[in-house]
């Protein structure tokens, strides 16, 4: 079983810290569309420009702060004066770390993404799981901000599954009082 995180802080304090994270107000900006550029975020979270990986972590984190997915389903880099389309293979972020926080009788799961965003699963940051119909493999996601999600990487998902409860053939976890399904479990030998 995975170990819980003992941060020394109450869950309420952690939530306040996360709410206080500063990001550019990209949802409020409405600049002109300037076209698409040859920038791509691969399914594993690697950013590419003109086919070459962007290896400067600070550059990737900077770009990630001005990322926005609009109602049209496209993902853009947005500044107050321009909006540029990019390609995203799956989700723009990858959840690479999980902390389980216990505070009294309340439990919460905090995810950290490959670009340093931290979110706690709950009503504002739901977890959803898609299942590949061909392979039966789960593809779990957590909402990060706006219309942007993070793919929960395999090791983090397995850690989350360790904390799951099995009821009526369904695995689920509860975080901030909200229950999230992680998928159905078929009976052995069926």
N, C-alpha and C. Protein backbone atom coordinates (compact mmCIF):
# COMPACT_ATOMS: atom_id res chain seq x y z
N UNK A 1 0.85 -1.18 0.00
CA UNK A 1 0.00 0.00 0.00
C UNK A 1 0.89 1.24 0.00
N UNK A 2 0.50 2.23 -0.78
CA UNK A 2 1.27 3.47 -0.86
C UNK A 2 1.18 4.22 0.47
N UNK A 3 2.18 4.96 0.78
CA UNK A 3 2.21 5.70 2.04
C UNK A 3 1.48 7.02 1.88
N UNK A 4 0.84 7.44 2.96
CA UNK A 4 0.19 8.75 2.91
C UNK A 4 1.23 9.84 3.09
N UNK A 5 0.88 11.02 2.67
CA UNK A 5 1.78 12.16 2.80
C UNK A 5 1.49 12.87 4.11
N UNK A 6 2.51 13.15 4.87
CA UNK A 6 2.36 13.92 6.08
C UNK A 6 3.03 15.26 5.85
N UNK A 7 2.24 16.24 5.42
CA UNK A 7 2.80 17.54 5.08
C UNK A 7 2.93 18.46 6.30
N UNK A 8 2.26 18.06 7.40
CA UNK A 8 2.26 18.92 8.57
C UNK A 8 1.25 20.05 8.44
N UNK A 9 0.58 20.13 7.29
CA UNK A 9 -0.42 21.16 7.06
C UNK A 9 -1.81 20.54 7.04
N UNK A 10 -2.80 21.30 7.40
CA UNK A 10 -4.18 20.85 7.28
C UNK A 10 -4.60 20.94 5.82
N UNK A 11 -5.54 20.10 5.44
CA UNK A 11 -6.04 20.09 4.07
C UNK A 11 -6.53 21.47 3.64
N UNK A 12 -7.18 22.18 4.53
CA UNK A 12 -7.67 23.52 4.23
C UNK A 12 -6.52 24.46 3.85
N UNK A 13 -5.39 24.34 4.55
CA UNK A 13 -4.21 25.18 4.25
C UNK A 13 -3.63 24.83 2.88
N UNK A 14 -3.58 23.54 2.55
CA UNK A 14 -3.06 23.11 1.25
C UNK A 14 -3.95 23.63 0.13
N UNK A 15 -5.27 23.55 0.32
CA UNK A 15 -6.21 24.07 -0.70
C UNK A 15 -6.01 25.57 -0.91
N UNK A 16 -5.79 26.31 0.16
CA UNK A 16 -5.56 27.76 0.04
C UNK A 16 -4.28 28.04 -0.73
N UNK A 17 -3.23 27.25 -0.46
CA UNK A 17 -1.97 27.43 -1.18
C UNK A 17 -2.17 27.20 -2.68
N UNK A 18 -2.90 26.14 -3.02
CA UNK A 18 -3.12 25.81 -4.43
C UNK A 18 -3.98 26.86 -5.12
N UNK A 19 -4.99 27.38 -4.41
CA UNK A 19 -5.82 28.44 -4.98
C UNK A 19 -5.02 29.70 -5.22
N UNK A 20 -3.98 29.91 -4.43
CA UNK A 20 -3.15 31.11 -4.54
C UNK A 20 -2.10 31.06 -5.64
N UNK A 21 -2.01 29.92 -6.37
CA UNK A 21 -1.04 29.83 -7.46
C UNK A 21 -1.35 30.90 -8.51
N UNK A 22 -0.34 31.61 -8.90
CA UNK A 22 -0.51 32.69 -9.88
C UNK A 22 -0.27 32.18 -11.29
N UNK A 23 -1.22 32.47 -12.17
CA UNK A 23 -1.10 32.13 -13.59
C UNK A 23 -1.65 33.30 -14.41
N UNK A 24 -1.15 33.46 -15.62
CA UNK A 24 -1.71 34.51 -16.48
C UNK A 24 -3.20 34.25 -16.72
N UNK A 25 -4.01 35.30 -16.82
CA UNK A 25 -5.47 35.13 -17.00
C UNK A 25 -5.84 34.83 -18.46
N UNK A 26 -5.32 33.73 -19.00
CA UNK A 26 -5.51 33.43 -20.43
C UNK A 26 -6.98 33.29 -20.81
N UNK A 27 -7.83 32.88 -19.88
CA UNK A 27 -9.27 32.73 -20.17
C UNK A 27 -9.93 34.09 -20.44
N UNK A 28 -9.33 35.16 -19.95
CA UNK A 28 -9.90 36.50 -20.12
C UNK A 28 -9.41 37.19 -21.39
N UNK A 29 -8.30 36.70 -21.97
CA UNK A 29 -7.72 37.33 -23.14
C UNK A 29 -8.45 36.90 -24.40
N UNK A 30 -8.67 37.83 -25.32
CA UNK A 30 -9.35 37.53 -26.57
C UNK A 30 -8.58 38.13 -27.76
N UNK A 31 -7.34 37.70 -27.97
CA UNK A 31 -6.54 38.26 -29.07
C UNK A 31 -6.93 37.66 -30.41
N UNK A 32 -6.42 38.25 -31.48
CA UNK A 32 -6.64 37.73 -32.82
C UNK A 32 -5.89 36.41 -33.00
N UNK A 33 -6.48 35.51 -33.79
CA UNK A 33 -5.82 34.26 -34.14
C UNK A 33 -4.74 34.55 -35.16
N UNK A 34 -3.51 34.10 -34.90
CA UNK A 34 -2.37 34.40 -35.77
C UNK A 34 -1.94 33.19 -36.60
N UNK A 35 -2.69 32.08 -36.53
CA UNK A 35 -2.33 30.90 -37.29
C UNK A 35 -1.76 29.80 -36.41
N UNK A 36 -1.46 28.68 -37.05
CA UNK A 36 -0.89 27.54 -36.35
C UNK A 36 0.63 27.56 -36.50
N UNK A 37 1.33 27.02 -35.50
CA UNK A 37 2.77 26.84 -35.62
C UNK A 37 3.08 25.36 -35.46
N UNK A 38 4.27 24.98 -35.85
CA UNK A 38 4.70 23.58 -35.78
C UNK A 38 5.20 23.28 -34.36
N UNK A 39 4.26 23.31 -33.43
CA UNK A 39 4.55 22.95 -32.05
C UNK A 39 3.59 21.85 -31.67
N UNK A 40 4.11 20.82 -30.97
CA UNK A 40 3.29 19.66 -30.64
C UNK A 40 3.62 19.19 -29.23
N UNK A 41 2.59 18.77 -28.51
CA UNK A 41 2.79 18.12 -27.21
C UNK A 41 2.44 16.66 -27.41
N UNK A 42 3.43 15.78 -27.24
CA UNK A 42 3.23 14.35 -27.43
C UNK A 42 2.44 13.78 -26.24
N UNK A 43 1.92 12.57 -26.42
CA UNK A 43 1.12 11.92 -25.38
C UNK A 43 1.90 11.71 -24.08
N UNK A 44 3.23 11.63 -24.16
CA UNK A 44 4.04 11.45 -22.95
C UNK A 44 4.41 12.78 -22.29
N UNK A 45 3.88 13.90 -22.81
CA UNK A 45 4.14 15.22 -22.24
C UNK A 45 5.34 15.95 -22.82
N UNK A 46 6.05 15.34 -23.77
CA UNK A 46 7.19 16.00 -24.40
C UNK A 46 6.70 17.07 -25.36
N UNK A 47 7.29 18.24 -25.27
CA UNK A 47 6.96 19.34 -26.18
C UNK A 47 7.97 19.35 -27.33
N UNK A 48 7.48 19.58 -28.54
CA UNK A 48 8.32 19.64 -29.73
C UNK A 48 8.08 20.95 -30.46
N UNK A 49 9.14 21.50 -31.01
CA UNK A 49 9.03 22.64 -31.93
C UNK A 49 9.74 22.25 -33.21
N UNK A 50 9.01 22.28 -34.31
CA UNK A 50 9.51 21.90 -35.63
C UNK A 50 10.17 20.52 -35.58
N UNK A 51 9.54 19.59 -34.86
CA UNK A 51 10.01 18.22 -34.79
C UNK A 51 11.12 17.95 -33.80
N UNK A 52 11.62 18.98 -33.15
CA UNK A 52 12.73 18.84 -32.20
C UNK A 52 12.20 19.00 -30.78
N UNK A 53 12.55 18.08 -29.87
CA UNK A 53 12.09 18.22 -28.48
C UNK A 53 12.59 19.52 -27.85
N UNK A 54 11.73 20.15 -27.08
CA UNK A 54 12.13 21.33 -26.31
C UNK A 54 12.65 20.79 -24.99
N UNK A 55 13.94 20.90 -24.77
CA UNK A 55 14.57 20.29 -23.60
C UNK A 55 14.73 21.25 -22.43
N UNK A 56 14.51 22.52 -22.67
CA UNK A 56 14.63 23.49 -21.57
C UNK A 56 13.34 23.48 -20.75
N UNK A 57 13.42 22.90 -19.58
CA UNK A 57 12.25 22.74 -18.71
C UNK A 57 11.57 24.08 -18.41
N UNK A 58 12.36 25.11 -18.19
CA UNK A 58 11.79 26.43 -17.88
C UNK A 58 10.99 26.97 -19.06
N UNK A 59 11.43 26.68 -20.28
CA UNK A 59 10.72 27.13 -21.47
C UNK A 59 9.36 26.41 -21.56
N UNK A 60 9.37 25.10 -21.34
CA UNK A 60 8.13 24.32 -21.38
C UNK A 60 7.16 24.82 -20.32
N UNK A 61 7.66 25.06 -19.11
CA UNK A 61 6.79 25.55 -18.04
C UNK A 61 6.21 26.93 -18.38
N UNK A 62 7.01 27.77 -19.01
CA UNK A 62 6.51 29.09 -19.44
C UNK A 62 5.41 28.93 -20.47
N UNK A 63 5.64 28.13 -21.50
CA UNK A 63 4.60 27.90 -22.51
C UNK A 63 3.34 27.33 -21.87
N UNK A 64 3.51 26.42 -20.91
CA UNK A 64 2.35 25.78 -20.27
C UNK A 64 1.46 26.79 -19.54
N UNK A 65 2.05 27.89 -19.06
CA UNK A 65 1.25 28.89 -18.34
C UNK A 65 0.32 29.65 -19.27
N UNK A 66 0.62 29.69 -20.57
CA UNK A 66 -0.23 30.44 -21.51
C UNK A 66 -0.97 29.50 -22.46
N UNK A 67 -1.18 28.27 -22.01
CA UNK A 67 -1.89 27.28 -22.80
C UNK A 67 -3.39 27.38 -22.52
N UNK A 68 -4.18 27.26 -23.57
CA UNK A 68 -5.63 27.32 -23.42
C UNK A 68 -6.29 26.43 -24.47
N UNK A 69 -7.31 25.70 -24.06
CA UNK A 69 -8.11 24.92 -24.99
C UNK A 69 -9.47 25.60 -25.11
N UNK A 70 -9.85 25.95 -26.33
CA UNK A 70 -11.09 26.68 -26.55
C UNK A 70 -12.25 25.75 -26.86
N UNK A 71 -13.43 26.33 -26.95
CA UNK A 71 -14.65 25.56 -27.24
C UNK A 71 -14.56 24.81 -28.56
N UNK A 72 -13.72 25.28 -29.48
CA UNK A 72 -13.58 24.62 -30.77
C UNK A 72 -12.78 23.32 -30.68
N UNK A 73 -12.28 23.01 -29.46
CA UNK A 73 -11.51 21.79 -29.25
C UNK A 73 -10.02 21.92 -29.54
N UNK A 74 -9.61 23.06 -30.09
CA UNK A 74 -8.19 23.29 -30.39
C UNK A 74 -7.47 23.88 -29.19
N UNK A 75 -6.16 23.62 -29.13
CA UNK A 75 -5.33 24.14 -28.06
C UNK A 75 -4.45 25.25 -28.62
N UNK A 76 -4.31 26.31 -27.83
CA UNK A 76 -3.59 27.51 -28.28
C UNK A 76 -2.60 27.97 -27.22
N UNK A 77 -1.55 28.65 -27.69
CA UNK A 77 -0.71 29.48 -26.84
C UNK A 77 -1.32 30.86 -26.96
N UNK A 78 -1.64 31.50 -25.82
CA UNK A 78 -2.38 32.76 -25.83
C UNK A 78 -1.63 33.81 -25.02
N UNK A 79 -1.49 34.98 -25.63
CA UNK A 79 -0.96 36.15 -24.94
C UNK A 79 -2.01 37.25 -25.09
N UNK A 80 -1.83 38.40 -24.47
CA UNK A 80 -2.84 39.46 -24.64
C UNK A 80 -2.97 39.92 -26.11
N UNK A 81 -1.95 39.67 -26.95
CA UNK A 81 -1.99 40.21 -28.32
C UNK A 81 -2.03 39.15 -29.42
N UNK A 82 -1.84 37.86 -29.10
CA UNK A 82 -1.90 36.85 -30.16
C UNK A 82 -2.34 35.50 -29.62
N UNK A 83 -2.91 34.71 -30.52
CA UNK A 83 -3.36 33.36 -30.22
C UNK A 83 -2.85 32.46 -31.33
N UNK A 84 -2.05 31.44 -30.95
CA UNK A 84 -1.38 30.59 -31.93
C UNK A 84 -1.77 29.14 -31.66
N UNK A 85 -2.23 28.45 -32.70
CA UNK A 85 -2.64 27.06 -32.56
C UNK A 85 -1.47 26.10 -32.51
N UNK A 86 -1.59 25.09 -31.63
CA UNK A 86 -0.58 24.04 -31.54
C UNK A 86 -1.30 22.68 -31.58
N UNK A 87 -0.54 21.61 -31.72
CA UNK A 87 -1.09 20.26 -31.76
C UNK A 87 -0.84 19.57 -30.43
N UNK A 88 -1.87 18.89 -29.92
CA UNK A 88 -1.75 18.11 -28.69
C UNK A 88 -2.21 16.70 -29.01
N UNK A 89 -1.31 15.72 -28.85
CA UNK A 89 -1.63 14.34 -29.21
C UNK A 89 -2.69 13.72 -28.30
N UNK A 90 -2.67 14.04 -27.03
CA UNK A 90 -3.64 13.49 -26.08
C UNK A 90 -4.05 14.61 -25.13
N UNK A 91 -3.50 14.62 -23.93
CA UNK A 91 -3.72 15.71 -22.98
C UNK A 91 -2.44 16.56 -22.96
N UNK A 92 -2.56 17.85 -22.67
CA UNK A 92 -1.37 18.70 -22.69
C UNK A 92 -0.42 18.46 -21.52
N UNK A 93 -0.93 17.86 -20.44
CA UNK A 93 -0.11 17.63 -19.26
C UNK A 93 -0.14 16.15 -18.90
N UNK A 94 0.81 15.74 -18.06
CA UNK A 94 0.86 14.38 -17.54
C UNK A 94 0.99 14.48 -16.02
N UNK A 95 0.09 13.80 -15.30
CA UNK A 95 0.19 13.74 -13.84
C UNK A 95 1.28 12.72 -13.50
N UNK A 96 2.36 13.21 -12.86
CA UNK A 96 3.54 12.38 -12.63
C UNK A 96 3.79 12.07 -11.15
N UNK A 97 2.98 12.65 -10.27
CA UNK A 97 3.19 12.41 -8.84
C UNK A 97 1.84 12.48 -8.13
N UNK A 98 1.68 11.66 -7.09
CA UNK A 98 0.44 11.60 -6.31
C UNK A 98 0.77 11.65 -4.83
N UNK A 99 0.03 12.48 -4.09
CA UNK A 99 0.10 12.50 -2.64
C UNK A 99 -1.30 12.22 -2.11
N UNK A 100 -1.38 11.36 -1.12
CA UNK A 100 -2.65 11.11 -0.42
C UNK A 100 -2.60 11.89 0.87
N UNK A 101 -3.57 12.74 1.07
CA UNK A 101 -3.60 13.62 2.24
C UNK A 101 -4.79 13.22 3.11
N UNK A 102 -4.53 13.00 4.38
CA UNK A 102 -5.59 12.70 5.33
C UNK A 102 -5.64 13.82 6.35
N UNK A 103 -6.86 14.31 6.60
CA UNK A 103 -7.07 15.36 7.60
C UNK A 103 -8.36 15.01 8.32
N UNK A 104 -8.21 14.46 9.51
CA UNK A 104 -9.39 13.99 10.24
C UNK A 104 -10.04 12.85 9.48
N UNK A 105 -11.31 13.01 9.17
CA UNK A 105 -12.02 11.96 8.44
C UNK A 105 -12.07 12.25 6.94
N UNK A 106 -11.38 13.28 6.49
CA UNK A 106 -11.38 13.63 5.06
C UNK A 106 -10.07 13.19 4.39
N UNK A 107 -10.23 12.64 3.18
CA UNK A 107 -9.08 12.21 2.38
C UNK A 107 -9.08 13.00 1.09
N UNK A 108 -7.89 13.30 0.60
CA UNK A 108 -7.76 14.01 -0.68
C UNK A 108 -6.54 13.46 -1.41
N UNK A 109 -6.62 13.50 -2.75
CA UNK A 109 -5.51 13.07 -3.59
C UNK A 109 -5.01 14.28 -4.37
N UNK A 110 -3.74 14.62 -4.14
CA UNK A 110 -3.12 15.76 -4.82
C UNK A 110 -2.21 15.24 -5.92
N UNK A 111 -2.42 15.75 -7.12
CA UNK A 111 -1.63 15.36 -8.29
C UNK A 111 -0.70 16.51 -8.66
N UNK A 112 0.52 16.16 -9.09
CA UNK A 112 1.48 17.12 -9.61
C UNK A 112 1.75 16.74 -11.06
N UNK A 113 1.72 17.73 -11.95
CA UNK A 113 1.94 17.47 -13.37
C UNK A 113 3.40 17.63 -13.75
N UNK A 114 3.70 17.23 -14.96
CA UNK A 114 5.06 17.35 -15.50
C UNK A 114 5.52 18.80 -15.63
N UNK A 115 4.61 19.75 -15.57
CA UNK A 115 4.99 21.16 -15.66
C UNK A 115 4.83 21.88 -14.32
N UNK A 116 4.59 21.10 -13.25
CA UNK A 116 4.56 21.67 -11.91
C UNK A 116 3.21 22.12 -11.40
N UNK A 117 2.15 21.97 -12.18
CA UNK A 117 0.82 22.30 -11.67
C UNK A 117 0.44 21.29 -10.60
N UNK A 118 -0.24 21.76 -9.56
CA UNK A 118 -0.73 20.88 -8.51
C UNK A 118 -2.23 21.08 -8.38
N UNK A 119 -2.96 19.97 -8.37
CA UNK A 119 -4.41 20.02 -8.21
C UNK A 119 -4.84 18.90 -7.27
N UNK A 120 -5.91 19.16 -6.54
CA UNK A 120 -6.49 18.14 -5.68
C UNK A 120 -7.79 17.68 -6.30
N UNK A 121 -7.89 16.36 -6.52
CA UNK A 121 -9.11 15.80 -7.09
C UNK A 121 -10.28 16.16 -6.20
N UNK A 122 -11.36 16.55 -6.83
CA UNK A 122 -12.57 16.93 -6.11
C UNK A 122 -13.57 17.52 -7.09
N UNK A 123 -14.57 18.23 -6.60
CA UNK A 123 -15.60 18.78 -7.48
C UNK A 123 -15.05 19.68 -8.59
N UNK A 124 -13.99 20.45 -8.30
CA UNK A 124 -13.41 21.35 -9.31
C UNK A 124 -12.37 20.67 -10.19
N UNK A 125 -11.88 19.52 -9.77
CA UNK A 125 -10.83 18.80 -10.50
C UNK A 125 -11.20 17.31 -10.56
N UNK A 126 -12.21 16.99 -11.37
CA UNK A 126 -12.65 15.59 -11.43
C UNK A 126 -11.65 14.68 -12.13
N UNK A 127 -11.70 13.41 -11.73
CA UNK A 127 -10.95 12.35 -12.39
C UNK A 127 -11.93 11.64 -13.31
N UNK A 128 -11.49 11.32 -14.52
CA UNK A 128 -12.30 10.51 -15.42
C UNK A 128 -11.41 9.46 -16.05
N UNK A 129 -12.01 8.33 -16.39
CA UNK A 129 -11.25 7.23 -16.98
C UNK A 129 -11.96 6.77 -18.24
N UNK A 130 -11.23 6.81 -19.35
CA UNK A 130 -11.71 6.24 -20.61
C UNK A 130 -11.09 4.86 -20.73
N UNK A 131 -11.80 3.94 -21.38
CA UNK A 131 -11.26 2.60 -21.59
C UNK A 131 -11.13 2.36 -23.09
N UNK A 132 -9.95 1.94 -23.53
CA UNK A 132 -9.70 1.61 -24.92
C UNK A 132 -10.51 0.36 -25.24
N UNK A 133 -11.44 0.48 -26.18
CA UNK A 133 -12.32 -0.65 -26.50
C UNK A 133 -11.57 -1.84 -27.07
N UNK A 134 -10.48 -1.61 -27.77
CA UNK A 134 -9.71 -2.71 -28.37
C UNK A 134 -8.85 -3.44 -27.35
N UNK A 135 -8.15 -2.68 -26.51
CA UNK A 135 -7.20 -3.29 -25.57
C UNK A 135 -7.76 -3.46 -24.16
N UNK A 136 -8.82 -2.71 -23.85
CA UNK A 136 -9.38 -2.74 -22.50
C UNK A 136 -8.57 -1.94 -21.49
N UNK A 137 -7.52 -1.26 -21.96
CA UNK A 137 -6.66 -0.48 -21.06
C UNK A 137 -7.32 0.85 -20.67
N UNK A 138 -7.20 1.21 -19.39
CA UNK A 138 -7.75 2.50 -18.96
C UNK A 138 -6.84 3.66 -19.36
N UNK A 139 -7.46 4.81 -19.64
CA UNK A 139 -6.73 6.07 -19.89
C UNK A 139 -7.33 7.08 -18.91
N UNK A 140 -6.67 7.24 -17.74
CA UNK A 140 -7.21 8.13 -16.71
C UNK A 140 -6.72 9.57 -16.88
N UNK A 141 -7.60 10.51 -16.56
CA UNK A 141 -7.30 11.93 -16.67
C UNK A 141 -7.79 12.66 -15.43
N UNK A 142 -7.16 13.81 -15.14
CA UNK A 142 -7.65 14.71 -14.11
C UNK A 142 -7.72 16.11 -14.71
N UNK A 143 -8.79 16.82 -14.39
CA UNK A 143 -8.96 18.20 -14.87
C UNK A 143 -7.95 19.09 -14.15
N UNK A 144 -7.25 19.94 -14.91
CA UNK A 144 -6.24 20.82 -14.33
C UNK A 144 -6.77 22.26 -14.24
N UNK A 145 -7.12 22.84 -15.39
CA UNK A 145 -7.66 24.21 -15.40
C UNK A 145 -8.30 24.47 -16.75
N UNK A 146 -9.24 25.41 -16.78
CA UNK A 146 -9.94 25.70 -18.03
C UNK A 146 -10.51 24.41 -18.61
N UNK A 147 -10.16 24.13 -19.85
CA UNK A 147 -10.55 22.87 -20.50
C UNK A 147 -9.36 21.93 -20.62
N UNK A 148 -8.33 22.15 -19.82
CA UNK A 148 -7.08 21.39 -19.91
C UNK A 148 -7.06 20.26 -18.87
N UNK A 149 -6.61 19.10 -19.32
CA UNK A 149 -6.51 17.94 -18.45
C UNK A 149 -5.08 17.41 -18.45
N UNK A 150 -4.82 16.55 -17.48
CA UNK A 150 -3.55 15.81 -17.44
C UNK A 150 -3.87 14.33 -17.54
N UNK A 151 -3.14 13.65 -18.40
CA UNK A 151 -3.19 12.20 -18.43
C UNK A 151 -2.48 11.72 -17.17
N UNK A 152 -3.11 10.84 -16.41
CA UNK A 152 -2.48 10.30 -15.21
C UNK A 152 -1.57 9.16 -15.66
N UNK A 153 -0.25 9.31 -15.44
CA UNK A 153 0.67 8.29 -15.95
C UNK A 153 0.43 6.96 -15.24
N UNK A 154 0.92 5.91 -15.85
CA UNK A 154 0.62 4.55 -15.40
C UNK A 154 0.99 4.30 -13.95
N UNK A 155 2.20 4.69 -13.53
CA UNK A 155 2.62 4.41 -12.15
C UNK A 155 1.76 5.18 -11.14
N UNK A 156 1.40 6.41 -11.46
CA UNK A 156 0.54 7.21 -10.58
C UNK A 156 -0.86 6.59 -10.52
N UNK A 157 -1.36 6.12 -11.66
CA UNK A 157 -2.68 5.48 -11.67
C UNK A 157 -2.67 4.21 -10.83
N UNK A 158 -1.61 3.40 -10.95
CA UNK A 158 -1.52 2.19 -10.14
C UNK A 158 -1.47 2.52 -8.65
N UNK A 159 -0.78 3.60 -8.31
CA UNK A 159 -0.74 4.04 -6.92
C UNK A 159 -2.14 4.43 -6.44
N UNK A 160 -2.88 5.15 -7.31
CA UNK A 160 -4.25 5.54 -6.98
C UNK A 160 -5.14 4.31 -6.81
N UNK A 161 -4.97 3.33 -7.68
CA UNK A 161 -5.75 2.09 -7.60
C UNK A 161 -5.49 1.37 -6.28
N UNK A 162 -4.28 1.46 -5.74
CA UNK A 162 -3.98 0.84 -4.44
C UNK A 162 -4.87 1.38 -3.34
N UNK A 163 -5.31 2.64 -3.48
CA UNK A 163 -6.16 3.27 -2.47
C UNK A 163 -7.64 3.09 -2.77
N UNK A 164 -7.96 2.49 -3.91
CA UNK A 164 -9.36 2.36 -4.34
C UNK A 164 -10.12 1.33 -3.51
N UNK A 165 -11.42 1.52 -3.48
CA UNK A 165 -12.33 0.57 -2.85
C UNK A 165 -13.07 -0.16 -3.97
N UNK A 166 -13.34 -1.44 -3.75
CA UNK A 166 -14.09 -2.23 -4.71
C UNK A 166 -15.49 -2.44 -4.15
N UNK A 167 -16.48 -1.92 -4.87
CA UNK A 167 -17.89 -2.08 -4.48
C UNK A 167 -18.69 -2.41 -5.73
N UNK A 168 -19.39 -3.54 -5.68
CA UNK A 168 -20.26 -3.91 -6.81
C UNK A 168 -19.51 -4.05 -8.12
N UNK A 169 -18.25 -4.50 -8.08
CA UNK A 169 -17.48 -4.70 -9.29
C UNK A 169 -16.86 -3.43 -9.85
N UNK A 170 -16.93 -2.33 -9.08
CA UNK A 170 -16.37 -1.06 -9.56
C UNK A 170 -15.33 -0.55 -8.56
N UNK A 171 -14.17 -0.15 -9.09
CA UNK A 171 -13.13 0.48 -8.28
C UNK A 171 -13.39 1.97 -8.23
N UNK A 172 -13.27 2.57 -7.04
CA UNK A 172 -13.45 4.01 -6.95
C UNK A 172 -12.63 4.56 -5.78
N UNK A 173 -12.34 5.85 -5.87
CA UNK A 173 -11.67 6.58 -4.80
C UNK A 173 -12.50 7.79 -4.46
N UNK A 174 -12.31 8.27 -3.22
CA UNK A 174 -12.99 9.48 -2.80
C UNK A 174 -11.95 10.54 -2.47
N UNK A 175 -12.19 11.75 -2.96
CA UNK A 175 -11.30 12.86 -2.69
C UNK A 175 -12.13 14.12 -2.49
N UNK A 176 -11.91 14.82 -1.41
CA UNK A 176 -12.68 16.01 -1.04
C UNK A 176 -14.18 15.72 -1.07
N UNK A 177 -14.56 14.53 -0.63
CA UNK A 177 -15.97 14.17 -0.53
C UNK A 177 -16.63 13.75 -1.83
N UNK A 178 -15.88 13.71 -2.93
CA UNK A 178 -16.44 13.31 -4.22
C UNK A 178 -15.85 11.96 -4.61
N UNK A 179 -16.72 11.06 -5.06
CA UNK A 179 -16.30 9.71 -5.45
C UNK A 179 -16.06 9.67 -6.95
N UNK A 180 -14.94 9.03 -7.34
CA UNK A 180 -14.56 8.91 -8.75
C UNK A 180 -14.37 7.45 -9.10
N UNK A 181 -15.01 7.03 -10.18
CA UNK A 181 -14.86 5.66 -10.66
C UNK A 181 -13.53 5.52 -11.39
N UNK A 182 -12.81 4.45 -11.09
CA UNK A 182 -11.56 4.14 -11.79
C UNK A 182 -11.76 3.00 -12.78
N UNK A 183 -12.97 2.45 -12.81
CA UNK A 183 -13.27 1.40 -13.78
C UNK A 183 -13.90 0.18 -13.14
N UNK A 184 -14.44 -0.67 -14.00
CA UNK A 184 -15.07 -1.91 -13.56
C UNK A 184 -14.05 -3.03 -13.52
N UNK A 185 -14.29 -3.96 -12.62
CA UNK A 185 -13.44 -5.12 -12.48
C UNK A 185 -14.30 -6.35 -12.75
N UNK A 186 -13.91 -7.12 -13.77
CA UNK A 186 -14.67 -8.33 -14.10
C UNK A 186 -14.25 -9.43 -13.14
N UNK A 187 -15.21 -10.30 -12.84
CA UNK A 187 -14.91 -11.43 -11.96
C UNK A 187 -13.95 -12.38 -12.65
N UNK A 188 -13.01 -12.92 -11.85
CA UNK A 188 -12.02 -13.85 -12.40
C UNK A 188 -12.73 -15.10 -12.91
N UNK A 189 -12.31 -15.56 -14.08
CA UNK A 189 -12.88 -16.76 -14.67
C UNK A 189 -14.13 -16.52 -15.48
N UNK A 190 -14.59 -15.27 -15.55
CA UNK A 190 -15.80 -14.96 -16.32
C UNK A 190 -15.50 -14.83 -17.78
